[in-house]
């Protein structure tokens, strides 16, 4: 299952998405490819992963360097995977 949360940042509103393993996406509202890899089926719900990501953003936007990294689980599209394999 995919979960989302909104985050108000100094650069604009962000949409964060995560699965049970980690953060799978972060988009600036209104950007060209906004939530293009986000599955249609998702719940707006606070999770541990999303709380960690929002805490990391809070630290970063306060001007400090975060001393932790939220778990990441980026999702690549098929053409991105094939390009990565071709480059290897």
N, C-alpha and C. Protein backbone atom coordinates (compact mmCIF):
# COMPACT_ATOMS: atom_id res chain seq x y z
N UNK A 1 0.84 -1.18 0.00
CA UNK A 1 0.00 0.00 0.00
C UNK A 1 0.89 1.25 0.00
N UNK A 2 0.43 2.27 -0.68
CA UNK A 2 1.14 3.55 -0.76
C UNK A 2 0.38 4.57 0.09
N UNK A 3 1.16 5.35 0.85
CA UNK A 3 0.60 6.38 1.72
C UNK A 3 1.17 7.74 1.32
N UNK A 4 0.38 8.79 1.47
CA UNK A 4 0.83 10.14 1.12
C UNK A 4 0.58 11.11 2.26
N UNK A 5 1.34 12.18 2.24
CA UNK A 5 1.17 13.30 3.17
C UNK A 5 1.58 14.56 2.44
N UNK A 6 0.97 15.67 2.80
CA UNK A 6 1.35 16.97 2.25
C UNK A 6 2.28 17.66 3.24
N UNK A 7 3.18 18.47 2.70
CA UNK A 7 4.15 19.19 3.53
C UNK A 7 4.29 20.60 2.97
N UNK A 8 4.09 21.60 3.83
CA UNK A 8 4.26 22.99 3.42
C UNK A 8 5.71 23.39 3.64
N UNK A 9 6.41 23.66 2.55
CA UNK A 9 7.83 24.01 2.64
C UNK A 9 8.05 25.45 2.18
N UNK A 10 9.22 26.00 2.45
CA UNK A 10 9.53 27.35 1.98
C UNK A 10 9.57 27.47 0.45
N UNK A 11 9.74 26.35 -0.25
CA UNK A 11 9.78 26.39 -1.72
C UNK A 11 8.42 26.06 -2.33
N UNK A 12 7.43 25.78 -1.53
CA UNK A 12 6.10 25.45 -2.00
C UNK A 12 5.59 24.18 -1.36
N UNK A 13 4.35 23.85 -1.67
CA UNK A 13 3.74 22.65 -1.10
C UNK A 13 4.32 21.41 -1.76
N UNK A 14 4.63 20.41 -0.94
CA UNK A 14 5.20 19.16 -1.41
C UNK A 14 4.24 18.02 -1.12
N UNK A 15 4.25 17.01 -1.98
CA UNK A 15 3.53 15.78 -1.73
C UNK A 15 4.56 14.69 -1.54
N UNK A 16 4.49 14.00 -0.41
CA UNK A 16 5.40 12.90 -0.10
C UNK A 16 4.62 11.60 -0.21
N UNK A 17 5.26 10.56 -0.73
CA UNK A 17 4.63 9.25 -0.84
C UNK A 17 5.60 8.19 -0.33
N UNK A 18 5.06 7.19 0.33
CA UNK A 18 5.89 6.12 0.90
C UNK A 18 5.13 4.81 0.88
N UNK A 19 5.91 3.73 0.83
CA UNK A 19 5.34 2.41 1.08
C UNK A 19 5.84 1.98 2.45
N UNK A 20 5.72 0.73 2.79
CA UNK A 20 6.15 0.27 4.11
C UNK A 20 7.66 0.24 4.26
N UNK A 21 8.40 0.28 3.14
CA UNK A 21 9.86 0.21 3.17
C UNK A 21 10.54 1.57 3.25
N UNK A 22 9.95 2.58 2.62
CA UNK A 22 10.60 3.89 2.61
C UNK A 22 9.89 4.87 1.70
N UNK A 23 10.48 6.04 1.60
CA UNK A 23 9.95 7.13 0.77
C UNK A 23 10.11 6.74 -0.70
N UNK A 24 9.01 6.79 -1.46
CA UNK A 24 9.07 6.42 -2.87
C UNK A 24 8.99 7.62 -3.79
N UNK A 25 8.60 8.77 -3.26
CA UNK A 25 8.51 9.95 -4.11
C UNK A 25 8.26 11.21 -3.33
N UNK A 26 8.67 12.32 -3.94
CA UNK A 26 8.44 13.64 -3.37
C UNK A 26 8.27 14.58 -4.56
N UNK A 27 7.16 15.31 -4.58
CA UNK A 27 6.86 16.19 -5.71
C UNK A 27 6.49 17.57 -5.23
N UNK A 28 6.89 18.57 -5.97
CA UNK A 28 6.49 19.95 -5.75
C UNK A 28 5.15 20.13 -6.45
N UNK A 29 4.13 20.61 -5.71
CA UNK A 29 2.81 20.80 -6.31
C UNK A 29 2.92 21.65 -7.57
N UNK A 30 2.30 21.18 -8.63
CA UNK A 30 2.26 21.92 -9.87
C UNK A 30 3.43 21.68 -10.81
N UNK A 31 4.41 20.87 -10.40
CA UNK A 31 5.54 20.61 -11.29
C UNK A 31 5.07 19.80 -12.49
N UNK A 32 5.88 19.79 -13.55
CA UNK A 32 5.49 19.16 -14.81
C UNK A 32 5.09 17.70 -14.65
N UNK A 33 5.86 16.93 -13.90
CA UNK A 33 5.58 15.49 -13.75
C UNK A 33 5.02 15.18 -12.36
N UNK A 34 4.17 16.07 -11.86
CA UNK A 34 3.63 15.93 -10.51
C UNK A 34 2.99 14.56 -10.32
N UNK A 35 3.52 13.81 -9.35
CA UNK A 35 2.98 12.52 -8.92
C UNK A 35 2.79 11.54 -10.08
N UNK A 36 3.64 11.63 -11.10
CA UNK A 36 3.47 10.79 -12.28
C UNK A 36 3.70 9.31 -12.01
N UNK A 37 4.45 8.99 -10.97
CA UNK A 37 4.68 7.57 -10.64
C UNK A 37 3.86 7.11 -9.44
N UNK A 38 2.98 7.96 -8.96
CA UNK A 38 2.14 7.62 -7.81
C UNK A 38 0.95 6.77 -8.27
N UNK A 39 0.80 5.58 -7.70
CA UNK A 39 -0.35 4.74 -8.09
C UNK A 39 -1.67 5.42 -7.75
N UNK A 40 -2.69 5.14 -8.53
CA UNK A 40 -4.00 5.73 -8.27
C UNK A 40 -4.53 5.31 -6.91
N UNK A 41 -4.19 4.10 -6.49
CA UNK A 41 -4.65 3.59 -5.20
C UNK A 41 -3.63 3.95 -4.12
N UNK A 42 -3.97 4.94 -3.29
CA UNK A 42 -3.11 5.33 -2.16
C UNK A 42 -3.97 6.01 -1.10
N UNK A 43 -3.47 5.98 0.12
CA UNK A 43 -4.19 6.58 1.26
C UNK A 43 -3.41 7.75 1.81
N UNK A 44 -4.12 8.83 2.13
CA UNK A 44 -3.50 9.95 2.83
C UNK A 44 -3.50 9.58 4.30
N UNK A 45 -2.31 9.21 4.79
CA UNK A 45 -2.20 8.74 6.17
C UNK A 45 -0.78 8.99 6.67
N UNK A 46 -0.66 9.31 7.94
CA UNK A 46 0.66 9.51 8.54
C UNK A 46 1.25 8.14 8.88
N UNK A 47 2.49 7.93 8.45
CA UNK A 47 3.20 6.69 8.77
C UNK A 47 4.56 7.06 9.37
N UNK A 48 5.24 6.09 9.91
CA UNK A 48 6.57 6.32 10.47
C UNK A 48 7.52 6.86 9.42
N UNK A 49 7.49 6.27 8.23
CA UNK A 49 8.38 6.71 7.15
C UNK A 49 8.09 8.17 6.79
N UNK A 50 6.82 8.51 6.64
CA UNK A 50 6.47 9.88 6.28
C UNK A 50 6.80 10.87 7.40
N UNK A 51 6.62 10.46 8.65
CA UNK A 51 7.02 11.32 9.78
C UNK A 51 8.52 11.57 9.76
N UNK A 52 9.31 10.53 9.49
CA UNK A 52 10.76 10.68 9.40
C UNK A 52 11.14 11.63 8.27
N UNK A 53 10.47 11.50 7.12
CA UNK A 53 10.76 12.37 5.98
C UNK A 53 10.40 13.82 6.30
N UNK A 54 9.26 14.04 6.95
CA UNK A 54 8.87 15.41 7.31
C UNK A 54 9.82 15.99 8.36
N UNK A 55 10.28 15.17 9.28
CA UNK A 55 11.25 15.64 10.28
C UNK A 55 12.57 16.02 9.60
N UNK A 56 13.01 15.21 8.62
CA UNK A 56 14.24 15.51 7.86
C UNK A 56 14.07 16.85 7.13
N UNK A 57 12.91 17.06 6.50
CA UNK A 57 12.66 18.32 5.81
C UNK A 57 12.64 19.50 6.78
N UNK A 58 12.05 19.31 7.96
CA UNK A 58 12.04 20.37 8.98
C UNK A 58 13.47 20.80 9.33
N UNK A 59 14.32 19.82 9.56
CA UNK A 59 15.72 20.11 9.91
C UNK A 59 16.40 20.82 8.74
N UNK A 60 16.25 20.28 7.54
CA UNK A 60 16.90 20.84 6.35
C UNK A 60 16.46 22.29 6.11
N UNK A 61 15.16 22.55 6.15
CA UNK A 61 14.66 23.90 5.88
C UNK A 61 14.92 24.87 7.02
N UNK A 62 15.32 24.36 8.19
CA UNK A 62 15.69 25.26 9.29
C UNK A 62 17.12 25.77 9.12
N UNK A 63 17.84 25.22 8.10
CA UNK A 63 19.21 25.66 7.84
C UNK A 63 20.26 24.77 8.46
N UNK A 64 19.83 23.73 9.15
CA UNK A 64 20.79 22.78 9.73
C UNK A 64 20.96 21.59 8.79
N UNK A 65 22.04 20.86 8.99
CA UNK A 65 22.26 19.64 8.21
C UNK A 65 21.69 18.46 8.97
N UNK A 66 20.73 17.74 8.37
CA UNK A 66 20.16 16.58 9.07
C UNK A 66 21.24 15.54 9.37
N UNK A 67 21.16 14.94 10.56
CA UNK A 67 22.13 13.91 10.95
C UNK A 67 21.54 12.51 10.81
N UNK A 68 20.49 12.40 10.01
CA UNK A 68 19.85 11.11 9.76
C UNK A 68 19.24 11.15 8.36
N UNK A 69 18.91 10.01 7.85
CA UNK A 69 18.26 9.92 6.54
C UNK A 69 17.02 9.04 6.69
N UNK A 70 15.87 9.54 6.23
CA UNK A 70 14.70 8.67 6.27
C UNK A 70 14.90 7.51 5.30
N UNK A 71 14.25 6.38 5.54
CA UNK A 71 14.41 5.26 4.61
C UNK A 71 13.89 5.64 3.23
N UNK A 72 14.66 5.29 2.20
CA UNK A 72 14.29 5.61 0.82
C UNK A 72 14.00 4.32 0.06
N UNK A 73 13.01 4.37 -0.80
CA UNK A 73 12.65 3.24 -1.64
C UNK A 73 12.15 3.78 -2.99
N UNK A 74 13.06 4.42 -3.76
CA UNK A 74 12.62 5.04 -5.02
C UNK A 74 12.11 4.00 -6.01
N UNK A 75 11.09 4.38 -6.73
CA UNK A 75 10.49 3.52 -7.73
C UNK A 75 10.90 4.05 -9.10
N UNK A 76 11.50 3.20 -9.91
CA UNK A 76 11.91 3.61 -11.25
C UNK A 76 10.92 3.05 -12.27
N UNK A 77 10.72 3.83 -13.31
CA UNK A 77 9.90 3.36 -14.42
C UNK A 77 10.71 2.39 -15.27
N UNK A 78 10.03 1.63 -16.07
CA UNK A 78 10.68 0.61 -16.89
C UNK A 78 11.82 1.19 -17.74
N UNK A 79 11.58 2.35 -18.40
CA UNK A 79 12.63 2.91 -19.25
C UNK A 79 13.81 3.40 -18.43
N UNK A 80 13.60 3.83 -17.20
CA UNK A 80 14.71 4.25 -16.35
C UNK A 80 15.56 3.05 -15.97
N UNK A 81 14.90 1.93 -15.67
CA UNK A 81 15.62 0.71 -15.32
C UNK A 81 16.47 0.23 -16.51
N UNK A 82 15.88 0.26 -17.73
CA UNK A 82 16.63 -0.21 -18.89
C UNK A 82 17.80 0.70 -19.20
N UNK A 83 17.67 2.00 -18.99
CA UNK A 83 18.77 2.93 -19.21
C UNK A 83 19.88 2.70 -18.20
N UNK A 84 19.52 2.40 -16.95
CA UNK A 84 20.51 2.13 -15.92
C UNK A 84 21.28 0.86 -16.26
N UNK A 85 20.57 -0.17 -16.72
CA UNK A 85 21.22 -1.42 -17.07
C UNK A 85 22.13 -1.24 -18.27
N UNK A 86 21.72 -0.45 -19.26
CA UNK A 86 22.52 -0.22 -20.46
C UNK A 86 23.80 0.55 -20.13
N UNK A 87 23.73 1.42 -19.13
CA UNK A 87 24.90 2.23 -18.75
C UNK A 87 25.91 1.41 -17.94
N UNK A 88 25.46 0.31 -17.35
CA UNK A 88 26.36 -0.48 -16.50
C UNK A 88 27.34 -1.32 -17.27
